[in-house]
Amino acid sequence: MKNKLTEDITATKVAKGSIYMTVGSIVSSLISIVGFAFMARIITTQEMGVVAGISLLTGFAQAFTDFGLNSAIPRHVAEMKGKGEDIKEMVVSAVAFRIPVSITFASITFVLANSVSLALFKTTGFGYVIALLSLDLVLLCINPLMTNVLLANGKLLSISVFNVANTAVSWLSILALLLAGKGLGGVRNRRHCGRRTHVDCAGDFGSQSR
């Protein structure tokens, strides 16, 4: 009887978690679609191509600094929580490893900003955009790790709320900075606030969990 009750509770949590994630994903996508539509009307076609190139560079940075942690952390944290063990040390160790790796990659990107711009866009004219990106790369690379910490802790509602908030803050910042005449620099500076909140909150969950 007890096992059946436990299974029912687990099934209910999974169902609710799936609903939270689905709704959060839909809302975030709608915000992104609307934000992108407005951005496309403000910047030029050339700048849109630069935005696409920056997105590719961001994806490469996250893949380069991963080292399998993003997929390993949820599994190991879930196992430790199932055994009643403290996960704080594991989370701290993972973040302590990710931070210097991310800083190293960001530093190299900053130093070679003009060269990267030349390789991607055949001009050094967008080197300043690459340099701005490098200042944000550390949080960009840590963010997926913190999301997986929340996932392993079963904080699906928190993930959904943070993702929606991050998306909303990002696109509001983009549009505000673009309308203020900040150009592509505004596009690159848009996400710091939302992403910082996400990382801080995820870190709190990780450090408080047992």
C-alpha atoms as a PDB file:
ATOM      1  CA  MET A   1       0.000   0.000   0.000  1.00  0.00           C
ATOM      2  CA  LYS A   2       2.823   2.344   0.948  1.00  0.00           C
ATOM      3  CA  ASN A   3       4.705   1.555  -2.273  1.00  0.00           C
ATOM      4  CA  LYS A   4       1.607   2.256  -4.352  1.00  0.00           C
ATOM      5  CA  LEU A   5       1.112   5.587  -2.584  1.00  0.00           C
ATOM      6  CA  THR A   6       4.745   6.490  -3.233  1.00  0.00           C
ATOM      7  CA  GLU A   7       4.375   5.578  -6.901  1.00  0.00           C
ATOM      8  CA  ASP A   8       1.232   7.715  -7.179  1.00  0.00           C
ATOM      9  CA  ILE A   9       3.013  10.699  -5.597  1.00  0.00           C
ATOM     10  CA  THR A  10       5.993  10.244  -7.922  1.00  0.00           C
ATOM     11  CA  ALA A  11       3.732   9.983 -10.971  1.00  0.00           C
ATOM     12  CA  THR A  12       1.916  13.150  -9.912  1.00  0.00           C
ATOM     13  CA  LYS A  13       5.217  15.015  -9.507  1.00  0.00           C
ATOM     14  CA  VAL A  14       6.403  13.867 -12.917  1.00  0.00           C
ATOM     15  CA  ALA A  15       3.118  14.925 -14.526  1.00  0.00           C
ATOM     16  CA  LYS A  16       3.211  18.348 -12.862  1.00  0.00           C
ATOM     17  CA  GLY A  17       6.862  18.769 -13.764  1.00  0.00           C
ATOM     18  CA  SER A  18       6.141  17.964 -17.394  1.00  0.00           C
ATOM     19  CA  ILE A  19       3.324  20.509 -17.455  1.00  0.00           C
ATOM     20  CA  TYR A  20       5.572  23.172 -15.894  1.00  0.00           C
ATOM     21  CA  MET A  21       8.341  22.524 -18.421  1.00  0.00           C
ATOM     22  CA  THR A  22       5.947  22.483 -21.375  1.00  0.00           C
ATOM     23  CA  VAL A  23       4.180  25.696 -20.389  1.00  0.00           C
ATOM     24  CA  GLY A  24       7.505  27.389 -19.631  1.00  0.00           C
ATOM     25  CA  SER A  25       8.924  26.330 -22.986  1.00  0.00           C
ATOM     26  CA  ILE A  26       5.856  27.612 -24.869  1.00  0.00           C
ATOM     27  CA  VAL A  27       5.891  30.973 -23.065  1.00  0.00           C
ATOM     28  CA  SER A  28       9.648  31.397 -23.597  1.00  0.00           C
ATOM     29  CA  SER A  29       9.277  30.546 -27.286  1.00  0.00           C
ATOM     30  CA  LEU A  30       6.458  33.053 -27.739  1.00  0.00           C
ATOM     31  CA  ILE A  31       8.516  35.775 -26.050  1.00  0.00           C
ATOM     32  CA  SER A  32      11.500  34.947 -28.269  1.00  0.00           C
ATOM     33  CA  ILE A  33       9.378  35.003 -31.439  1.00  0.00           C
ATOM     34  CA  VAL A  34       7.914  38.409 -30.610  1.00  0.00           C
ATOM     35  CA  GLY A  35      11.289  39.766 -29.522  1.00  0.00           C
ATOM     36  CA  PHE A  36      13.016  38.482 -32.648  1.00  0.00           C
ATOM     37  CA  ALA A  37      10.335  39.996 -34.864  1.00  0.00           C
ATOM     38  CA  PHE A  38      10.879  43.419 -33.294  1.00  0.00           C
ATOM     39  CA  MET A  39      14.677  43.087 -33.425  1.00  0.00           C
ATOM     40  CA  ALA A  40      14.577  42.160 -37.112  1.00  0.00           C
ATOM     41  CA  ARG A  41      12.822  45.454 -37.800  1.00  0.00           C
ATOM     42  CA  ILE A  42      15.398  47.519 -35.920  1.00  0.00           C
ATOM     43  CA  ILE A  43      18.777  46.145 -37.073  1.00  0.00           C
ATOM     44  CA  THR A  44      20.094  45.682 -40.606  1.00  0.00           C
ATOM     45  CA  THR A  45      20.371  42.451 -42.596  1.00  0.00           C
ATOM     46  CA  GLN A  46      24.146  42.454 -42.109  1.00  0.00           C
ATOM     47  CA  GLU A  47      23.737  42.801 -38.354  1.00  0.00           C
ATOM     48  CA  MET A  48      21.275  39.897 -38.360  1.00  0.00           C
ATOM     49  CA  GLY A  49      24.004  37.772 -39.920  1.00  0.00           C
ATOM     50  CA  VAL A  50      26.383  38.858 -37.168  1.00  0.00           C
ATOM     51  CA  VAL A  51      23.829  37.883 -34.527  1.00  0.00           C
ATOM     52  CA  ALA A  52      23.613  34.409 -36.107  1.00  0.00           C
ATOM     53  CA  GLY A  53      27.409  34.114 -36.078  1.00  0.00           C
ATOM     54  CA  ILE A  54      27.570  35.157 -32.432  1.00  0.00           C
ATOM     55  CA  SER A  55      24.970  32.518 -31.584  1.00  0.00           C
ATOM     56  CA  LEU A  56      27.153  29.852 -33.218  1.00  0.00           C
ATOM     57  CA  LEU A  57      30.172  31.058 -31.244  1.00  0.00           C
ATOM     58  CA  THR A  58      28.143  30.916 -28.032  1.00  0.00           C
ATOM     59  CA  GLY A  59      27.104  27.325 -28.747  1.00  0.00           C
ATOM     60  CA  PHE A  60      30.731  26.391 -29.423  1.00  0.00           C
ATOM     61  CA  ALA A  61      31.828  27.959 -26.121  1.00  0.00           C
ATOM     62  CA  GLN A  62      29.230  26.000 -24.161  1.00  0.00           C
ATOM     63  CA  ALA A  63      30.193  22.730 -25.886  1.00  0.00           C
ATOM     64  CA  PHE A  64      33.922  23.372 -25.408  1.00  0.00           C
ATOM     65  CA  THR A  65      33.598  24.023 -21.667  1.00  0.00           C
ATOM     66  CA  ASP A  66      31.140  21.186 -21.003  1.00  0.00           C
ATOM     67  CA  PHE A  67      33.494  18.190 -20.493  1.00  0.00           C
ATOM     68  CA  GLY A  68      30.409  16.017 -19.977  1.00  0.00           C
ATOM     69  CA  LEU A  69      29.386  17.761 -16.749  1.00  0.00           C
ATOM     70  CA  ASN A  70      25.993  18.904 -18.025  1.00  0.00           C
ATOM     71  CA  SER A  71      24.885  15.309 -18.611  1.00  0.00           C
ATOM     72  CA  ALA A  72      26.743  13.755 -15.665  1.00  0.00           C
ATOM     73  CA  ILE A  73      25.601  16.129 -12.917  1.00  0.00           C
ATOM     74  CA  PRO A  74      21.846  15.266 -13.008  1.00  0.00           C
ATOM     75  CA  ARG A  75      22.588  11.528 -12.862  1.00  0.00           C
ATOM     76  CA  HIS A  76      25.099  11.701  -9.997  1.00  0.00           C
ATOM     77  CA  VAL A  77      23.127  14.241  -7.994  1.00  0.00           C
ATOM     78  CA  ALA A  78      19.961  12.150  -8.322  1.00  0.00           C
ATOM     79  CA  GLU A  79      21.864   9.050  -7.156  1.00  0.00           C
ATOM     80  CA  MET A  80      23.309  10.875  -4.144  1.00  0.00           C
ATOM     81  CA  LYS A  81      19.941  12.323  -3.185  1.00  0.00           C
ATOM     82  CA  GLY A  82      18.436   8.840  -3.421  1.00  0.00           C
ATOM     83  CA  LYS A  83      21.052   7.629  -0.933  1.00  0.00           C
ATOM     84  CA  GLY A  84      20.453  10.605   1.329  1.00  0.00           C
ATOM     85  CA  GLU A  85      23.964  11.976   0.772  1.00  0.00           C
ATOM     86  CA  ASP A  86      24.948  15.654   0.744  1.00  0.00           C
ATOM     87  CA  ILE A  87      25.292  16.966  -2.811  1.00  0.00           C
ATOM     88  CA  LYS A  88      26.847  20.301  -1.874  1.00  0.00           C
ATOM     89  CA  GLU A  89      30.440  19.134  -2.334  1.00  0.00           C
ATOM     90  CA  MET A  90      29.727  17.715  -5.795  1.00  0.00           C
ATOM     91  CA  VAL A  91      27.953  20.852  -6.975  1.00  0.00           C
ATOM     92  CA  VAL A  92      30.685  23.113  -5.623  1.00  0.00           C
ATOM     93  CA  SER A  93      33.369  20.956  -7.257  1.00  0.00           C
ATOM     94  CA  ALA A  94      31.590  21.027 -10.629  1.00  0.00           C
ATOM     95  CA  VAL A  95      31.186  24.810 -10.505  1.00  0.00           C
ATOM     96  CA  ALA A  96      34.785  25.244  -9.278  1.00  0.00           C
ATOM     97  CA  PHE A  97      35.954  23.317 -12.343  1.00  0.00           C
ATOM     98  CA  ARG A  98      33.643  25.069 -14.793  1.00  0.00           C
ATOM     99  CA  ILE A  99      34.508  28.621 -13.705  1.00  0.00           C
ATOM    100  CA  PRO A 100      38.277  28.606 -14.500  1.00  0.00           C
ATOM    101  CA  VAL A 101      37.664  26.728 -17.763  1.00  0.00           C
ATOM    102  CA  SER A 102      35.054  29.314 -18.766  1.00  0.00           C
ATOM    103  CA  ILE A 103      37.278  32.218 -17.706  1.00  0.00           C
ATOM    104  CA  THR A 104      40.151  30.792 -19.765  1.00  0.00           C
ATOM    105  CA  PHE A 105      37.971  30.451 -22.866  1.00  0.00           C
ATOM    106  CA  ALA A 106      36.491  33.920 -22.336  1.00  0.00           C
ATOM    107  CA  SER A 107      39.954  35.452 -21.898  1.00  0.00           C
ATOM    108  CA  ILE A 108      41.237  33.872 -25.107  1.00  0.00           C
ATOM    109  CA  THR A 109      38.140  35.078 -26.952  1.00  0.00           C
ATOM    110  CA  PHE A 110      38.640  38.600 -25.605  1.00  0.00           C
ATOM    111  CA  VAL A 111      42.309  38.735 -26.617  1.00  0.00           C
ATOM    112  CA  LEU A 112      41.588  37.301 -30.069  1.00  0.00           C
ATOM    113  CA  ALA A 113      38.341  39.240 -30.597  1.00  0.00           C
ATOM    114  CA  ASN A 114      39.470  40.902 -33.823  1.00  0.00           C
ATOM    115  CA  SER A 115      40.873  37.647 -35.204  1.00  0.00           C
ATOM    116  CA  VAL A 116      37.644  35.811 -34.413  1.00  0.00           C
ATOM    117  CA  SER A 117      35.655  38.590 -36.068  1.00  0.00           C
ATOM    118  CA  LEU A 118      37.871  38.358 -39.129  1.00  0.00           C
ATOM    119  CA  ALA A 119      37.446  34.575 -39.303  1.00  0.00           C
ATOM    120  CA  LEU A 120      33.664  34.706 -38.905  1.00  0.00           C
ATOM    121  CA  PHE A 121      32.723  37.867 -40.781  1.00  0.00           C
ATOM    122  CA  LYS A 122      35.767  38.645 -42.993  1.00  0.00           C
ATOM    123  CA  THR A 123      36.236  41.927 -41.162  1.00  0.00           C
ATOM    124  CA  THR A 124      37.609  43.110 -37.820  1.00  0.00           C
ATOM    125  CA  GLY A 125      34.784  45.635 -37.614  1.00  0.00           C
ATOM    126  CA  PHE A 126      32.777  43.433 -35.267  1.00  0.00           C
ATOM    127  CA  GLY A 127      35.680  42.707 -32.921  1.00  0.00           C
ATOM    128  CA  TYR A 128      34.057  44.864 -30.250  1.00  0.00           C
ATOM    129  CA  VAL A 129      30.962  42.624 -30.341  1.00  0.00           C
ATOM    130  CA  ILE A 130      33.127  39.518 -29.827  1.00  0.00           C
ATOM    131  CA  ALA A 131      34.875  41.296 -26.952  1.00  0.00           C
ATOM    132  CA  LEU A 132      31.514  42.089 -25.341  1.00  0.00           C
ATOM    133  CA  LEU A 133      30.472  38.472 -25.795  1.00  0.00           C
ATOM    134  CA  SER A 134      33.620  37.277 -24.025  1.00  0.00           C
ATOM    135  CA  LEU A 135      32.611  39.277 -20.935  1.00  0.00           C
ATOM    136  CA  ASP A 136      29.368  37.286 -20.799  1.00  0.00           C
ATOM    137  CA  LEU A 137      30.791  33.864 -21.693  1.00  0.00           C
ATOM    138  CA  VAL A 138      31.487  32.785 -18.105  1.00  0.00           C
ATOM    139  CA  LEU A 139      27.816  33.050 -17.134  1.00  0.00           C
ATOM    140  CA  LEU A 140      26.801  31.593 -20.492  1.00  0.00           C
ATOM    141  CA  CYS A 141      28.860  28.480 -19.778  1.00  0.00           C
ATOM    142  CA  ILE A 142      27.862  28.122 -16.120  1.00  0.00           C
ATOM    143  CA  ASN A 143      24.145  28.578 -16.757  1.00  0.00           C
ATOM    144  CA  PRO A 144      23.501  25.091 -18.297  1.00  0.00           C
ATOM    145  CA  LEU A 145      25.286  23.453 -15.371  1.00  0.00           C
ATOM    146  CA  MET A 146      23.114  25.271 -12.847  1.00  0.00           C
ATOM    147  CA  THR A 147      20.004  24.339 -14.818  1.00  0.00           C
ATOM    148  CA  ASN A 148      20.967  20.676 -14.566  1.00  0.00           C
ATOM    149  CA  VAL A 149      21.539  21.039 -10.818  1.00  0.00           C
ATOM    150  CA  LEU A 150      17.968  22.284 -10.519  1.00  0.00           C
ATOM    151  CA  LEU A 151      16.783  19.456 -12.760  1.00  0.00           C
ATOM    152  CA  ALA A 152      18.484  16.856 -10.567  1.00  0.00           C
ATOM    153  CA  ASN A 153      16.839  18.392  -7.511  1.00  0.00           C
ATOM    154  CA  GLY A 154      13.434  18.081  -9.158  1.00  0.00           C
ATOM    155  CA  LYS A 155      12.982  21.862  -9.290  1.00  0.00           C
ATOM    156  CA  LEU A 156      11.140  21.795 -12.615  1.00  0.00           C
ATOM    157  CA  LEU A 157       8.876  24.686 -11.685  1.00  0.00           C
ATOM    158  CA  SER A 158      11.911  26.752 -10.727  1.00  0.00           C
ATOM    159  CA  ILE A 159      13.607  25.939 -14.034  1.00  0.00           C
ATOM    160  CA  SER A 160      10.509  27.005 -15.946  1.00  0.00           C
ATOM    161  CA  VAL A 161      10.126  30.245 -13.996  1.00  0.00           C
ATOM    162  CA  PHE A 162      13.812  31.119 -14.343  1.00  0.00           C
ATOM    163  CA  ASN A 163      13.842  30.367 -18.067  1.00  0.00           C
ATOM    164  CA  VAL A 164      10.767  32.493 -18.723  1.00  0.00           C
ATOM    165  CA  ALA A 165      12.138  35.324 -16.559  1.00  0.00           C
ATOM    166  CA  ASN A 166      15.539  35.109 -18.248  1.00  0.00           C
ATOM    167  CA  THR A 167      13.983  35.165 -21.715  1.00  0.00           C
ATOM    168  CA  ALA A 168      11.730  38.103 -20.846  1.00  0.00           C
ATOM    169  CA  VAL A 169      14.544  40.136 -19.286  1.00  0.00           C
ATOM    170  CA  SER A 170      16.844  39.302 -22.205  1.00  0.00           C
ATOM    171  CA  TRP A 171      14.477  40.449 -24.929  1.00  0.00           C
ATOM    172  CA  LEU A 172      13.281  43.510 -23.024  1.00  0.00           C
ATOM    173  CA  SER A 173      16.931  44.481 -22.593  1.00  0.00           C
ATOM    174  CA  ILE A 174      17.640  43.869 -26.272  1.00  0.00           C
ATOM    175  CA  LEU A 175      14.780  46.067 -27.438  1.00  0.00           C
ATOM    176  CA  ALA A 176      15.480  48.798 -24.878  1.00  0.00           C
ATOM    177  CA  LEU A 177      19.183  48.973 -25.803  1.00  0.00           C
ATOM    178  CA  LEU A 178      18.499  48.830 -29.534  1.00  0.00           C
ATOM    179  CA  LEU A 179      15.900  51.574 -29.301  1.00  0.00           C
ATOM    180  CA  ALA A 180      18.431  53.592 -27.291  1.00  0.00           C
ATOM    181  CA  GLY A 181      20.820  53.320 -30.229  1.00  0.00           C
ATOM    182  CA  LYS A 182      23.258  50.812 -28.696  1.00  0.00           C
ATOM    183  CA  GLY A 183      23.266  48.595 -31.809  1.00  0.00           C
ATOM    184  CA  LEU A 184      24.833  45.144 -31.676  1.00  0.00           C
ATOM    185  CA  GLY A 185      26.560  46.030 -28.423  1.00  0.00           C
ATOM    186  CA  GLY A 186      23.114  46.233 -26.885  1.00  0.00           C
ATOM    187  CA  VAL A 187      22.207  42.813 -28.275  1.00  0.00           C
ATOM    188  CA  ARG A 188      25.270  41.269 -26.627  1.00  0.00           C
ATOM    189  CA  ASN A 189      24.751  43.002 -23.274  1.00  0.00           C
ATOM    190  CA  ARG A 190      21.115  42.004 -22.956  1.00  0.00           C
ATOM    191  CA  ARG A 191      21.223  38.785 -20.938  1.00  0.00           C
ATOM    192  CA  HIS A 192      23.477  39.483 -18.006  1.00  0.00           C
ATOM    193  CA  CYS A 193      20.762  40.384 -15.493  1.00  0.00           C
ATOM    194  CA  GLY A 194      18.433  37.453 -16.170  1.00  0.00           C
ATOM    195  CA  ARG A 195      21.252  34.931 -16.444  1.00  0.00           C
ATOM    196  CA  ARG A 196      22.909  36.155 -13.229  1.00  0.00           C
ATOM    197  CA  THR A 197      19.638  35.676 -11.352  1.00  0.00           C
ATOM    198  CA  HIS A 198      19.317  32.160 -12.768  1.00  0.00           C
ATOM    199  CA  VAL A 199      22.840  31.188 -11.696  1.00  0.00           C
ATOM    200  CA  ASP A 200      22.474  32.676  -8.223  1.00  0.00           C
ATOM    201  CA  CYS A 201      19.155  30.948  -7.537  1.00  0.00           C
ATOM    202  CA  ALA A 202      20.346  27.619  -8.890  1.00  0.00           C
ATOM    203  CA  GLY A 203      23.422  27.878  -6.703  1.00  0.00           C
ATOM    204  CA  ASP A 204      21.229  28.473  -3.681  1.00  0.00           C
ATOM    205  CA  PHE A 205      19.199  25.330  -4.408  1.00  0.00           C
ATOM    206  CA  GLY A 206      22.360  23.319  -4.906  1.00  0.00           C
ATOM    207  CA  SER A 207      23.968  24.473  -1.666  1.00  0.00           C
ATOM    208  CA  GLN A 208      20.831  23.983   0.417  1.00  0.00           C
ATOM    209  CA  SER A 209      19.955  20.484  -0.890  1.00  0.00           C
ATOM    210  CA  ARG A 210      20.931  17.334   0.881  1.00  0.00           C
END
